[in-house]
Amino acid sequence: MTVTITVGVLALQGGFHEHLTLLRRAVSQLATTKFELVEVRTSQQLAQCDALIIPGGESTTMSLVAGQTDLLEKLRDFVKVQKKPTWGTCAGLIMLSNAANSTKVGGQELIGGLSVRVHRNHFGRQIESFEANLDLPFLSETTDRSPFHAVFIRAPVVEEVLAPQAVQVLAKLPGRVDRMKTGVSQATTKGDSGDIVAVREGNVLGMSFHPELTADARIHVWWLSELLKGGAS
């Protein structure tokens, strides 16, 4: 019997199209199982989903739009009560964190689910955006074990793990970041800055960078594979 898993991508703002593109590519590599991919803008669409991606973008805008309806509360129920698999990238990491620093005046509504505190725009303005090669141990079982080329745009980092016994640190940013004349930076591999850029707690996965802005679908393949195994739920 063919299993159908409905994967939603929150489509209020940000890079949801890019995530859907890589999801389709990942699904083509997992042909034995049927996935349905949907854009999520309403609580009714969310209710159809078995798993969800919250993309990069502007977390404050996403929170405001979601808060204008009952979608924000439904997202909290989806993540923290139903404990359905949820993956957030950049802005998505912020929204899935239990606490955030450097928010805009008046604060910011969060979904929560990750027992961490993040620091928004940790590396500075858009012009300080950079790229770095990351060794991601959880991709070690894939046929391609090369480092993942990660894109950081006004990226947050996890500045404190609030429940070390519950949160698994999946990746740290290696080395220091050197600005290049092009406006794109490259992280060196000497030393360890200690900046946590990927974490997982139960059903929730959060990453500081934008895998959706690359042509590399390995993380999407891995995450879908985790859904099949029940490892992300």
N, C-alpha and C. Protein backbone atom coordinates (compact mmCIF):
# COMPACT_ATOMS: atom_id res chain seq x y z
N MET A 1 0.84 -1.20 0.00
CA MET A 1 0.00 0.00 0.00
C MET A 1 0.88 1.25 0.00
N THR A 2 0.57 2.16 -0.91
CA THR A 2 1.34 3.39 -1.00
C THR A 2 0.95 4.36 0.09
N VAL A 3 1.93 4.87 0.79
CA VAL A 3 1.69 5.85 1.86
C VAL A 3 1.73 7.25 1.26
N THR A 4 0.77 8.07 1.61
CA THR A 4 0.76 9.46 1.16
C THR A 4 1.03 10.36 2.35
N ILE A 5 2.06 11.16 2.23
CA ILE A 5 2.43 12.12 3.28
C ILE A 5 2.28 13.52 2.70
N THR A 6 1.46 14.32 3.35
CA THR A 6 1.25 15.70 2.88
C THR A 6 2.22 16.63 3.60
N VAL A 7 3.08 17.27 2.82
CA VAL A 7 4.08 18.20 3.35
C VAL A 7 3.69 19.61 2.93
N GLY A 8 3.50 20.48 3.91
CA GLY A 8 3.15 21.86 3.62
C GLY A 8 4.35 22.78 3.75
N VAL A 9 4.31 23.87 3.01
CA VAL A 9 5.30 24.94 3.15
C VAL A 9 4.53 26.22 3.46
N LEU A 10 4.81 26.83 4.60
CA LEU A 10 4.13 28.07 4.98
C LEU A 10 4.41 29.12 3.92
N ALA A 11 3.34 29.64 3.32
CA ALA A 11 3.49 30.50 2.14
C ALA A 11 2.96 31.91 2.39
N LEU A 12 3.24 32.44 3.57
CA LEU A 12 2.81 33.79 3.90
C LEU A 12 3.77 34.84 3.35
N GLN A 13 5.06 34.47 3.26
CA GLN A 13 6.10 35.40 2.83
C GLN A 13 7.40 34.61 2.78
N GLY A 14 8.37 35.08 2.03
CA GLY A 14 9.68 34.45 2.04
C GLY A 14 9.87 33.40 0.96
N GLY A 15 10.82 32.48 1.22
CA GLY A 15 11.29 31.57 0.18
C GLY A 15 10.52 30.27 0.07
N PHE A 16 9.20 30.33 0.05
CA PHE A 16 8.42 29.09 -0.02
C PHE A 16 8.51 28.44 -1.39
N HIS A 17 8.58 29.24 -2.46
CA HIS A 17 8.72 28.66 -3.81
C HIS A 17 10.01 27.85 -3.92
N GLU A 18 11.08 28.40 -3.38
CA GLU A 18 12.38 27.72 -3.45
C GLU A 18 12.36 26.39 -2.69
N HIS A 19 11.71 26.38 -1.52
CA HIS A 19 11.59 25.12 -0.78
C HIS A 19 10.79 24.10 -1.58
N LEU A 20 9.71 24.53 -2.20
CA LEU A 20 8.89 23.62 -2.99
C LEU A 20 9.67 23.04 -4.15
N THR A 21 10.52 23.86 -4.77
CA THR A 21 11.34 23.38 -5.89
C THR A 21 12.27 22.26 -5.43
N LEU A 22 12.95 22.45 -4.29
CA LEU A 22 13.85 21.42 -3.81
C LEU A 22 13.09 20.22 -3.26
N LEU A 23 11.92 20.43 -2.70
CA LEU A 23 11.11 19.31 -2.25
C LEU A 23 10.72 18.42 -3.43
N ARG A 24 10.33 19.03 -4.54
CA ARG A 24 9.98 18.24 -5.73
C ARG A 24 11.17 17.43 -6.21
N ARG A 25 12.35 18.04 -6.18
CA ARG A 25 13.56 17.34 -6.59
C ARG A 25 13.84 16.19 -5.63
N ALA A 26 13.65 16.43 -4.32
CA ALA A 26 13.88 15.39 -3.32
C ALA A 26 12.89 14.24 -3.47
N VAL A 27 11.63 14.59 -3.72
CA VAL A 27 10.60 13.56 -3.88
C VAL A 27 10.93 12.65 -5.05
N SER A 28 11.50 13.21 -6.11
CA SER A 28 11.84 12.40 -7.28
C SER A 28 12.90 11.35 -6.95
N GLN A 29 13.64 11.57 -5.88
CA GLN A 29 14.65 10.60 -5.44
C GLN A 29 14.10 9.59 -4.45
N LEU A 30 12.84 9.77 -4.06
CA LEU A 30 12.19 8.86 -3.11
C LEU A 30 10.91 8.33 -3.76
N ALA A 31 11.05 7.74 -4.91
CA ALA A 31 9.91 7.41 -5.76
C ALA A 31 9.00 6.33 -5.20
N THR A 32 9.45 5.61 -4.17
CA THR A 32 8.63 4.51 -3.65
C THR A 32 7.49 5.02 -2.77
N THR A 33 7.53 6.27 -2.39
CA THR A 33 6.50 6.82 -1.51
C THR A 33 5.91 8.07 -2.15
N LYS A 34 4.64 8.20 -2.00
CA LYS A 34 3.95 9.35 -2.58
C LYS A 34 3.88 10.49 -1.57
N PHE A 35 4.39 11.64 -1.96
CA PHE A 35 4.28 12.85 -1.15
C PHE A 35 3.36 13.83 -1.88
N GLU A 36 2.54 14.50 -1.13
CA GLU A 36 1.76 15.61 -1.67
C GLU A 36 2.31 16.89 -1.08
N LEU A 37 2.62 17.86 -1.93
CA LEU A 37 3.22 19.11 -1.50
C LEU A 37 2.20 20.24 -1.66
N VAL A 38 2.02 21.02 -0.59
CA VAL A 38 1.00 22.07 -0.63
C VAL A 38 1.55 23.37 -0.04
N GLU A 39 1.05 24.48 -0.54
CA GLU A 39 1.31 25.78 0.04
C GLU A 39 0.30 26.02 1.16
N VAL A 40 0.76 26.56 2.29
CA VAL A 40 -0.12 26.75 3.45
C VAL A 40 -0.28 28.24 3.75
N ARG A 41 -1.52 28.71 3.64
CA ARG A 41 -1.83 30.10 3.98
C ARG A 41 -2.98 30.20 4.97
N THR A 42 -3.69 29.10 5.17
CA THR A 42 -4.86 29.11 6.05
C THR A 42 -4.79 27.95 7.03
N SER A 43 -5.57 28.04 8.10
CA SER A 43 -5.60 26.96 9.07
C SER A 43 -6.20 25.69 8.46
N GLN A 44 -7.10 25.85 7.49
CA GLN A 44 -7.68 24.69 6.83
C GLN A 44 -6.62 23.93 6.03
N GLN A 45 -5.75 24.66 5.35
CA GLN A 45 -4.66 24.02 4.60
C GLN A 45 -3.67 23.36 5.55
N LEU A 46 -3.39 24.02 6.69
CA LEU A 46 -2.47 23.45 7.67
C LEU A 46 -3.01 22.13 8.22
N ALA A 47 -4.31 22.06 8.42
CA ALA A 47 -4.91 20.86 8.98
C ALA A 47 -4.73 19.63 8.08
N GLN A 48 -4.48 19.85 6.80
CA GLN A 48 -4.28 18.75 5.86
C GLN A 48 -2.87 18.18 5.94
N CYS A 49 -1.96 18.87 6.63
CA CYS A 49 -0.54 18.55 6.55
C CYS A 49 -0.11 17.55 7.61
N ASP A 50 0.80 16.67 7.20
CA ASP A 50 1.45 15.76 8.12
C ASP A 50 2.78 16.32 8.61
N ALA A 51 3.34 17.28 7.86
CA ALA A 51 4.61 17.91 8.20
C ALA A 51 4.63 19.29 7.56
N LEU A 52 5.53 20.16 8.05
CA LEU A 52 5.53 21.55 7.61
C LEU A 52 6.94 22.12 7.55
N ILE A 53 7.18 22.96 6.55
CA ILE A 53 8.40 23.76 6.47
C ILE A 53 8.02 25.23 6.62
N ILE A 54 8.76 25.94 7.48
CA ILE A 54 8.62 27.39 7.60
C ILE A 54 9.86 28.00 6.98
N PRO A 55 9.72 28.74 5.88
CA PRO A 55 10.88 29.16 5.10
C PRO A 55 11.59 30.38 5.67
N GLY A 56 12.71 30.71 5.03
CA GLY A 56 13.38 31.96 5.32
C GLY A 56 12.57 33.13 4.78
N GLY A 57 12.83 34.30 5.33
CA GLY A 57 12.09 35.50 4.94
C GLY A 57 12.16 36.52 6.05
N GLU A 58 11.06 37.16 6.34
CA GLU A 58 10.99 38.15 7.42
C GLU A 58 10.07 37.60 8.51
N SER A 59 10.68 37.18 9.61
CA SER A 59 9.91 36.49 10.64
C SER A 59 8.84 37.38 11.27
N THR A 60 9.13 38.67 11.41
CA THR A 60 8.14 39.57 12.00
C THR A 60 6.91 39.66 11.11
N THR A 61 7.12 39.78 9.81
CA THR A 61 6.00 39.84 8.87
C THR A 61 5.19 38.56 8.90
N MET A 62 5.87 37.42 8.90
CA MET A 62 5.16 36.14 8.96
C MET A 62 4.30 36.06 10.21
N SER A 63 4.86 36.45 11.35
CA SER A 63 4.12 36.40 12.61
C SER A 63 2.90 37.33 12.58
N LEU A 64 3.08 38.52 12.03
CA LEU A 64 1.97 39.47 11.96
C LEU A 64 0.85 38.95 11.08
N VAL A 65 1.21 38.42 9.91
CA VAL A 65 0.19 37.91 8.99
C VAL A 65 -0.53 36.72 9.62
N ALA A 66 0.24 35.80 10.21
CA ALA A 66 -0.37 34.64 10.85
C ALA A 66 -1.25 35.05 12.02
N GLY A 67 -0.83 36.08 12.74
CA GLY A 67 -1.57 36.53 13.90
C GLY A 67 -2.88 37.24 13.58
N GLN A 68 -3.03 37.69 12.34
CA GLN A 68 -4.26 38.37 11.93
C GLN A 68 -5.43 37.40 11.77
N THR A 69 -5.11 36.12 11.71
CA THR A 69 -6.14 35.07 11.68
C THR A 69 -5.87 34.13 12.85
N ASP A 70 -6.48 32.96 12.80
CA ASP A 70 -6.21 31.98 13.86
C ASP A 70 -5.03 31.08 13.50
N LEU A 71 -4.30 31.43 12.42
CA LEU A 71 -3.24 30.55 11.94
C LEU A 71 -2.09 30.43 12.93
N LEU A 72 -1.76 31.52 13.63
CA LEU A 72 -0.64 31.47 14.57
C LEU A 72 -0.91 30.46 15.69
N GLU A 73 -2.11 30.50 16.24
CA GLU A 73 -2.46 29.53 17.29
C GLU A 73 -2.52 28.11 16.74
N LYS A 74 -2.98 27.97 15.50
CA LYS A 74 -3.03 26.65 14.88
C LYS A 74 -1.62 26.12 14.64
N LEU A 75 -0.68 27.01 14.30
CA LEU A 75 0.71 26.60 14.13
C LEU A 75 1.30 26.14 15.45
N ARG A 76 0.99 26.84 16.52
CA ARG A 76 1.48 26.43 17.85
C ARG A 76 0.92 25.05 18.21
N ASP A 77 -0.34 24.82 17.90
CA ASP A 77 -0.94 23.52 18.18
C ASP A 77 -0.30 22.43 17.32
N PHE A 78 -0.05 22.73 16.06
CA PHE A 78 0.56 21.79 15.12
C PHE A 78 1.93 21.34 15.62
N VAL A 79 2.71 22.31 16.10
CA VAL A 79 4.10 22.03 16.50
C VAL A 79 4.18 21.46 17.91
N LYS A 80 3.48 22.07 18.86
CA LYS A 80 3.71 21.78 20.27
C LYS A 80 2.69 20.83 20.90
N VAL A 81 1.52 20.72 20.32
CA VAL A 81 0.50 19.82 20.87
C VAL A 81 0.42 18.55 20.03
N GLN A 82 0.18 18.73 18.72
CA GLN A 82 0.14 17.56 17.84
C GLN A 82 1.55 17.00 17.58
N LYS A 83 2.56 17.84 17.79
CA LYS A 83 3.96 17.46 17.61
C LYS A 83 4.23 16.86 16.23
N LYS A 84 3.73 17.54 15.23
CA LYS A 84 3.99 17.11 13.87
C LYS A 84 5.36 17.63 13.41
N PRO A 85 6.04 16.90 12.54
CA PRO A 85 7.37 17.30 12.10
C PRO A 85 7.35 18.69 11.45
N THR A 86 8.22 19.56 11.94
CA THR A 86 8.28 20.94 11.44
C THR A 86 9.73 21.36 11.31
N TRP A 87 10.06 21.95 10.17
CA TRP A 87 11.43 22.38 9.87
C TRP A 87 11.40 23.87 9.53
N GLY A 88 12.22 24.65 10.23
CA GLY A 88 12.31 26.07 9.95
C GLY A 88 13.69 26.48 9.52
N THR A 89 13.78 27.31 8.48
CA THR A 89 15.07 27.82 8.01
C THR A 89 15.11 29.33 8.17
N CYS A 90 16.18 29.83 8.77
CA CYS A 90 16.42 31.25 9.01
C CYS A 90 15.24 31.87 9.78
N ALA A 91 14.35 32.59 9.11
CA ALA A 91 13.18 33.15 9.79
C ALA A 91 12.37 32.06 10.46
N GLY A 92 12.32 30.89 9.82
CA GLY A 92 11.60 29.76 10.40
C GLY A 92 12.21 29.31 11.71
N LEU A 93 13.54 29.33 11.80
CA LEU A 93 14.21 29.01 13.06
C LEU A 93 13.80 29.99 14.15
N ILE A 94 13.76 31.28 13.82
CA ILE A 94 13.36 32.30 14.79
C ILE A 94 11.95 32.01 15.30
N MET A 95 11.03 31.74 14.38
CA MET A 95 9.64 31.53 14.77
C MET A 95 9.46 30.28 15.63
N LEU A 96 10.31 29.28 15.40
CA LEU A 96 10.18 28.03 16.14
C LEU A 96 10.93 28.04 17.47
N SER A 97 11.67 29.09 17.75
CA SER A 97 12.41 29.18 19.00
C SER A 97 11.50 29.65 20.13
N ASN A 98 11.83 29.25 21.35
CA ASN A 98 11.04 29.66 22.50
C ASN A 98 11.32 31.09 22.93
N ALA A 99 12.47 31.64 22.51
CA ALA A 99 12.83 33.01 22.88
C ALA A 99 13.72 33.60 21.80
N ALA A 100 13.66 34.93 21.64
CA ALA A 100 14.47 35.60 20.62
C ALA A 100 14.93 36.95 21.14
N ASN A 101 16.19 37.28 20.89
CA ASN A 101 16.74 38.59 21.20
C ASN A 101 16.81 39.44 19.94
N SER A 102 16.98 40.74 20.15
CA SER A 102 17.10 41.72 19.06
C SER A 102 15.86 41.74 18.18
N THR A 103 14.69 41.56 18.79
CA THR A 103 13.45 41.69 18.04
C THR A 103 13.14 43.16 17.84
N LYS A 104 12.20 43.44 16.96
CA LYS A 104 11.81 44.82 16.70
C LYS A 104 11.02 45.37 17.89
N VAL A 105 10.85 46.70 17.92
CA VAL A 105 10.16 47.35 19.01
C VAL A 105 8.78 46.72 19.19
N GLY A 106 8.46 46.37 20.43
CA GLY A 106 7.18 45.73 20.70
C GLY A 106 7.26 44.23 20.76
N GLY A 107 8.46 43.69 20.42
CA GLY A 107 8.63 42.24 20.49
C GLY A 107 8.06 41.53 19.29
N GLN A 108 8.00 40.22 19.38
CA GLN A 108 7.56 39.40 18.26
C GLN A 108 6.89 38.14 18.78
N GLU A 109 5.76 37.81 18.17
CA GLU A 109 5.07 36.57 18.50
C GLU A 109 5.84 35.40 17.91
N LEU A 110 6.04 34.36 18.69
CA LEU A 110 6.75 33.17 18.25
C LEU A 110 5.84 31.96 18.33
N ILE A 111 6.15 30.96 17.53
CA ILE A 111 5.44 29.69 17.61
C ILE A 111 5.99 28.86 18.77
N GLY A 112 7.32 28.79 18.85
CA GLY A 112 7.97 28.00 19.87
C GLY A 112 8.08 26.53 19.47
N GLY A 113 8.67 25.76 20.36
CA GLY A 113 8.87 24.34 20.10
C GLY A 113 10.31 23.92 20.26
N LEU A 114 11.23 24.86 20.03
CA LEU A 114 12.66 24.61 20.24
C LEU A 114 13.09 25.31 21.53
N SER A 115 13.66 24.55 22.44
CA SER A 115 14.09 25.12 23.74
C SER A 115 15.42 25.84 23.58
N VAL A 116 15.40 26.91 22.80
CA VAL A 116 16.59 27.72 22.55
C VAL A 116 16.21 29.19 22.53
N ARG A 117 17.23 30.03 22.70
CA ARG A 117 17.07 31.47 22.47
C ARG A 117 17.95 31.83 21.29
N VAL A 118 17.36 32.51 20.31
CA VAL A 118 18.12 32.90 19.13
C VAL A 118 18.43 34.39 19.17
N HIS A 119 19.47 34.76 18.46
CA HIS A 119 19.84 36.16 18.27
C HIS A 119 19.58 36.50 16.81
N ARG A 120 18.60 37.36 16.57
CA ARG A 120 18.24 37.74 15.21
C ARG A 120 19.35 38.57 14.56
N ASN A 121 19.48 38.42 13.25
CA ASN A 121 20.46 39.21 12.47
C ASN A 121 21.83 39.21 13.15
N HIS A 122 22.26 38.04 13.60
CA HIS A 122 23.48 37.93 14.39
C HIS A 122 24.71 38.47 13.67
N PHE A 123 24.77 38.29 12.37
CA PHE A 123 25.97 38.68 11.61
C PHE A 123 25.86 40.08 11.01
N GLY A 124 24.75 40.76 11.24
CA GLY A 124 24.63 42.12 10.75
C GLY A 124 23.62 42.27 9.63
N ARG A 125 23.82 43.33 8.85
CA ARG A 125 22.86 43.70 7.81
C ARG A 125 22.96 42.78 6.61
N GLN A 126 22.09 43.04 5.62
CA GLN A 126 22.06 42.23 4.40
C GLN A 126 23.43 42.19 3.72
N ILE A 127 24.15 43.30 3.77
CA ILE A 127 25.44 43.38 3.10
C ILE A 127 26.47 42.47 3.76
N GLU A 128 26.23 42.07 4.99
CA GLU A 128 27.13 41.14 5.67
C GLU A 128 26.77 39.67 5.42
N SER A 129 25.86 39.44 4.48
CA SER A 129 25.51 38.07 4.14
C SER A 129 26.74 37.34 3.61
N PHE A 130 26.78 36.02 3.83
CA PHE A 130 27.97 35.25 3.44
C PHE A 130 27.59 33.80 3.17
N GLU A 131 28.57 33.05 2.69
CA GLU A 131 28.39 31.63 2.40
C GLU A 131 29.49 30.85 3.12
N ALA A 132 29.18 29.62 3.49
CA ALA A 132 30.15 28.80 4.22
C ALA A 132 29.90 27.33 3.93
N ASN A 133 30.98 26.56 3.87
CA ASN A 133 30.87 25.12 3.72
C ASN A 133 30.75 24.48 5.10
N LEU A 134 29.68 23.73 5.30
CA LEU A 134 29.41 23.11 6.59
C LEU A 134 29.50 21.59 6.49
N ASP A 135 30.16 20.99 7.47
CA ASP A 135 30.12 19.54 7.61
C ASP A 135 28.89 19.18 8.42
N LEU A 136 27.98 18.45 7.81
CA LEU A 136 26.73 18.08 8.46
C LEU A 136 26.72 16.57 8.68
N PRO A 137 27.05 16.12 9.89
CA PRO A 137 27.15 14.69 10.16
C PRO A 137 25.90 13.90 9.82
N PHE A 138 24.72 14.52 9.93
CA PHE A 138 23.49 13.79 9.66
C PHE A 138 23.34 13.43 8.18
N LEU A 139 24.18 14.02 7.32
CA LEU A 139 24.16 13.67 5.90
C LEU A 139 25.18 12.58 5.57
N SER A 140 25.80 12.02 6.58
CA SER A 140 26.89 11.07 6.36
C SER A 140 26.43 9.80 5.66
N GLU A 141 25.14 9.48 5.75
CA GLU A 141 24.65 8.26 5.12
C GLU A 141 24.30 8.46 3.65
N THR A 142 24.38 9.67 3.16
CA THR A 142 24.07 9.93 1.75
C THR A 142 25.26 9.55 0.89
N THR A 143 25.02 9.39 -0.40
CA THR A 143 26.10 9.00 -1.31
C THR A 143 27.10 10.14 -1.49
N ASP A 144 26.64 11.37 -1.35
CA ASP A 144 27.52 12.54 -1.47
C ASP A 144 27.81 13.06 -0.06
N ARG A 145 29.03 12.86 0.42
CA ARG A 145 29.40 13.27 1.77
C ARG A 145 30.16 14.60 1.80
N SER A 146 30.16 15.31 0.72
CA SER A 146 30.88 16.59 0.66
C SER A 146 30.20 17.62 1.55
N PRO A 147 30.94 18.65 1.99
CA PRO A 147 30.34 19.70 2.83
C PRO A 147 29.15 20.35 2.12
N PHE A 148 28.22 20.84 2.90
CA PHE A 148 27.04 21.52 2.37
C PHE A 148 27.35 23.01 2.25
N HIS A 149 27.14 23.57 1.07
CA HIS A 149 27.40 24.99 0.85
C HIS A 149 26.20 25.80 1.34
N ALA A 150 26.35 26.41 2.51
CA ALA A 150 25.24 27.08 3.18
C ALA A 150 25.25 28.58 2.91
N VAL A 151 24.06 29.13 2.73
CA VAL A 151 23.88 30.56 2.47
C VAL A 151 23.28 31.22 3.71
N PHE A 152 23.97 32.23 4.24
CA PHE A 152 23.52 32.95 5.43
C PHE A 152 23.14 34.37 5.03
N ILE A 153 21.87 34.74 5.20
CA ILE A 153 21.39 36.08 4.86
C ILE A 153 20.69 36.67 6.07
N ARG A 154 21.29 37.69 6.67
CA ARG A 154 20.76 38.30 7.91
C ARG A 154 20.38 37.19 8.88
N ALA A 155 21.29 36.27 9.05
CA ALA A 155 20.98 35.01 9.72
C ALA A 155 20.98 35.13 11.24
N PRO A 156 20.08 34.38 11.88
CA PRO A 156 20.14 34.25 13.33
C PRO A 156 21.12 33.14 13.71
N VAL A 157 21.49 33.09 14.98
CA VAL A 157 22.19 31.93 15.52
C VAL A 157 21.53 31.57 16.84
N VAL A 158 21.74 30.35 17.26
CA VAL A 158 21.27 29.92 18.58
C VAL A 158 22.30 30.39 19.59
N GLU A 159 21.95 31.40 20.39
CA GLU A 159 22.90 31.93 21.36
C GLU A 159 22.85 31.19 22.70
N GLU A 160 21.75 30.48 22.96
CA GLU A 160 21.69 29.68 24.18
C GLU A 160 20.73 28.51 23.99
N VAL A 161 21.19 27.34 24.39
CA VAL A 161 20.33 26.17 24.44
C VAL A 161 19.72 26.12 25.84
N LEU A 162 18.40 26.25 25.92
CA LEU A 162 17.72 26.38 27.20
C LEU A 162 17.48 25.03 27.87
N ALA A 163 17.48 23.97 27.09
CA ALA A 163 17.27 22.62 27.63
C ALA A 163 18.27 21.68 26.97
N PRO A 164 19.53 21.68 27.45
CA PRO A 164 20.59 20.88 26.81
C PRO A 164 20.25 19.39 26.72
N GLN A 165 19.47 18.89 27.67
CA GLN A 165 19.14 17.47 27.65
C GLN A 165 18.15 17.13 26.54
N ALA A 166 17.46 18.14 26.02
CA ALA A 166 16.42 17.90 25.01
C ALA A 166 16.84 18.30 23.60
N VAL A 167 17.74 19.26 23.50
CA VAL A 167 18.11 19.82 22.19
C VAL A 167 19.39 19.19 21.66
N GLN A 168 19.33 18.73 20.45
CA GLN A 168 20.50 18.17 19.78
C GLN A 168 21.11 19.22 18.86
N VAL A 169 22.37 19.55 19.07
CA VAL A 169 23.07 20.49 18.19
C VAL A 169 23.57 19.72 16.97
N LEU A 170 23.11 20.10 15.80
CA LEU A 170 23.45 19.39 14.57
C LEU A 170 24.61 20.01 13.82
N ALA A 171 24.83 21.32 13.98
CA ALA A 171 25.92 21.97 13.24
C ALA A 171 26.31 23.28 13.89
N LYS A 172 27.61 23.56 13.82
CA LYS A 172 28.15 24.86 14.22
C LYS A 172 28.87 25.47 13.02
N LEU A 173 28.92 26.79 13.01
CA LEU A 173 29.61 27.48 11.93
C LEU A 173 31.11 27.44 12.19
N PRO A 174 31.88 26.88 11.28
CA PRO A 174 33.33 26.77 11.50
C PRO A 174 34.05 28.07 11.20
N GLY A 175 35.04 28.38 12.02
CA GLY A 175 35.96 29.48 11.71
C GLY A 175 35.35 30.85 11.85
N ARG A 176 36.05 31.80 11.31
CA ARG A 176 35.61 33.19 11.36
C ARG A 176 35.14 33.61 9.97
N VAL A 177 34.39 34.69 9.92
CA VAL A 177 33.83 35.15 8.66
C VAL A 177 34.59 36.37 8.17
N ASP A 178 35.10 36.31 6.95
CA ASP A 178 35.82 37.42 6.34
C ASP A 178 34.99 38.03 5.22
N ARG A 179 34.71 39.32 5.34
CA ARG A 179 34.00 40.01 4.28
C ARG A 179 34.87 40.07 3.03
N MET A 180 34.26 39.85 1.88
CA MET A 180 34.95 39.96 0.60
C MET A 180 34.43 41.19 -0.13
N LYS A 181 35.18 41.67 -1.09
CA LYS A 181 34.80 42.89 -1.79
C LYS A 181 33.48 42.74 -2.54
N THR A 182 33.12 41.51 -2.87
CA THR A 182 31.88 41.28 -3.59
C THR A 182 30.64 41.46 -2.72
N GLY A 183 30.83 41.55 -1.41
CA GLY A 183 29.70 41.61 -0.51
C GLY A 183 29.26 40.24 -0.04
N VAL A 184 29.90 39.20 -0.59
CA VAL A 184 29.64 37.84 -0.14
C VAL A 184 30.87 37.37 0.60
N SER A 185 30.68 36.76 1.74
CA SER A 185 31.80 36.35 2.57
C SER A 185 31.95 34.85 2.57
N GLN A 186 33.11 34.41 2.97
CA GLN A 186 33.39 32.98 3.07
C GLN A 186 33.92 32.69 4.47
N ALA A 187 33.34 31.73 5.14
CA ALA A 187 33.82 31.35 6.46
C ALA A 187 35.04 30.46 6.31
N THR A 188 36.09 30.79 7.03
CA THR A 188 37.28 29.94 6.99
C THR A 188 37.03 28.69 7.83
N THR A 189 37.89 27.71 7.72
CA THR A 189 37.70 26.48 8.46
C THR A 189 38.67 26.36 9.63
N LYS A 190 39.38 27.43 9.94
CA LYS A 190 40.32 27.40 11.06
C LYS A 190 39.61 27.82 12.35
N GLY A 191 39.75 26.98 13.36
CA GLY A 191 39.11 27.31 14.63
C GLY A 191 37.64 26.97 14.63
N ASP A 192 36.95 27.41 15.65
CA ASP A 192 35.53 27.13 15.79
C ASP A 192 34.88 28.31 16.50
N SER A 193 34.04 29.04 15.78
CA SER A 193 33.41 30.22 16.36
C SER A 193 32.42 29.85 17.45
N GLY A 194 31.95 28.60 17.44
CA GLY A 194 30.96 28.17 18.41
C GLY A 194 29.55 28.58 18.09
N ASP A 195 29.33 29.23 16.93
CA ASP A 195 27.98 29.64 16.57
C ASP A 195 27.15 28.44 16.15
N ILE A 196 26.09 28.17 16.89
CA ILE A 196 25.21 27.04 16.59
C ILE A 196 24.24 27.44 15.49
N VAL A 197 24.23 26.67 14.40
CA VAL A 197 23.42 27.06 13.23
C VAL A 197 22.42 25.98 12.82
N ALA A 198 22.37 24.87 13.54
CA ALA A 198 21.34 23.86 13.27
C ALA A 198 21.07 23.06 14.54
N VAL A 199 19.79 22.93 14.89
CA VAL A 199 19.40 22.21 16.10
C VAL A 199 18.14 21.39 15.83
N ARG A 200 17.94 20.42 16.70
CA ARG A 200 16.76 19.58 16.59
C ARG A 200 16.28 19.21 17.99
N GLU A 201 14.97 19.27 18.17
CA GLU A 201 14.37 18.85 19.43
C GLU A 201 13.08 18.10 19.10
N GLY A 202 13.12 16.80 19.26
CA GLY A 202 11.93 16.00 18.96
C GLY A 202 11.48 16.17 17.53
N ASN A 203 10.28 16.68 17.36
CA ASN A 203 9.69 16.84 16.02
C ASN A 203 10.14 18.11 15.31
N VAL A 204 10.93 18.96 15.96
CA VAL A 204 11.24 20.28 15.41
C VAL A 204 12.71 20.38 15.01
N LEU A 205 12.93 20.88 13.80
CA LEU A 205 14.26 21.08 13.24
C LEU A 205 14.41 22.55 12.88
N GLY A 206 15.55 23.16 13.25
CA GLY A 206 15.78 24.56 12.92
C GLY A 206 17.17 24.79 12.39
N MET A 207 17.28 25.63 11.34
CA MET A 207 18.57 25.94 10.72
C MET A 207 18.68 27.44 10.48
N SER A 208 19.88 27.99 10.72
CA SER A 208 20.11 29.42 10.52
C SER A 208 20.21 29.80 9.05
N PHE A 209 20.62 28.86 8.23
CA PHE A 209 20.94 29.15 6.83
C PHE A 209 19.79 28.78 5.91
N HIS A 210 20.00 29.00 4.61
CA HIS A 210 18.96 28.82 3.59
C HIS A 210 19.32 27.68 2.64
N PRO A 211 19.03 26.43 2.98
CA PRO A 211 19.29 25.36 2.02
C PRO A 211 18.46 25.50 0.76
N GLU A 212 17.33 26.20 0.87
CA GLU A 212 16.45 26.37 -0.29
C GLU A 212 17.04 27.30 -1.35
N LEU A 213 18.09 28.04 -1.00
CA LEU A 213 18.71 28.96 -1.96
C LEU A 213 19.91 28.32 -2.67
N THR A 214 20.01 27.01 -2.60
CA THR A 214 21.04 26.28 -3.31
C THR A 214 20.36 25.28 -4.24
N ALA A 215 21.17 24.60 -5.05
CA ALA A 215 20.65 23.53 -5.90
C ALA A 215 20.83 22.17 -5.25
N ASP A 216 21.29 22.16 -4.00
CA ASP A 216 21.61 20.93 -3.29
C ASP A 216 20.39 20.47 -2.49
N ALA A 217 19.80 19.37 -2.88
CA ALA A 217 18.57 18.88 -2.25
C ALA A 217 18.84 17.85 -1.15
N ARG A 218 20.10 17.67 -0.75
CA ARG A 218 20.41 16.58 0.19
C ARG A 218 19.70 16.73 1.53
N ILE A 219 19.59 17.95 2.06
CA ILE A 219 18.92 18.11 3.35
C ILE A 219 17.43 17.82 3.20
N HIS A 220 16.84 18.24 2.09
CA HIS A 220 15.43 17.96 1.85
C HIS A 220 15.19 16.45 1.71
N VAL A 221 16.09 15.76 1.02
CA VAL A 221 15.99 14.31 0.90
C VAL A 221 16.08 13.66 2.28
N TRP A 222 17.05 14.11 3.07
CA TRP A 222 17.23 13.56 4.42
C TRP A 222 15.98 13.78 5.27
N TRP A 223 15.43 15.00 5.24
CA TRP A 223 14.26 15.30 6.07
C TRP A 223 13.06 14.47 5.65
N LEU A 224 12.82 14.35 4.36
CA LEU A 224 11.72 13.50 3.90
C LEU A 224 11.95 12.04 4.31
N SER A 225 13.19 11.60 4.24
CA SER A 225 13.51 10.24 4.67
C SER A 225 13.22 10.05 6.16
N GLU A 226 13.51 11.09 6.95
CA GLU A 226 13.20 11.04 8.38
C GLU A 226 11.69 10.93 8.59
N LEU A 227 10.91 11.60 7.75
CA LEU A 227 9.45 11.49 7.87
C LEU A 227 9.02 10.05 7.63
N LEU A 228 9.62 9.42 6.65
CA LEU A 228 9.26 8.03 6.34
C LEU A 228 9.60 7.10 7.49
N LYS A 229 10.71 7.39 8.16
CA LYS A 229 11.13 6.54 9.28
C LYS A 229 10.41 6.88 10.58
N GLY A 230 9.73 8.02 10.58
CA GLY A 230 9.12 8.47 11.82
C GLY A 230 10.11 9.15 12.74
N GLY A 231 11.33 9.42 12.21
CA GLY A 231 12.38 9.97 13.04
C GLY A 231 12.23 11.45 13.33
N ALA A 232 11.32 12.14 12.60
CA ALA A 232 11.13 13.56 12.84
C ALA A 232 9.84 13.83 13.58
N SER A 233 9.17 12.79 14.03
CA SER A 233 7.88 12.98 14.69
C SER A 233 7.97 12.63 16.17
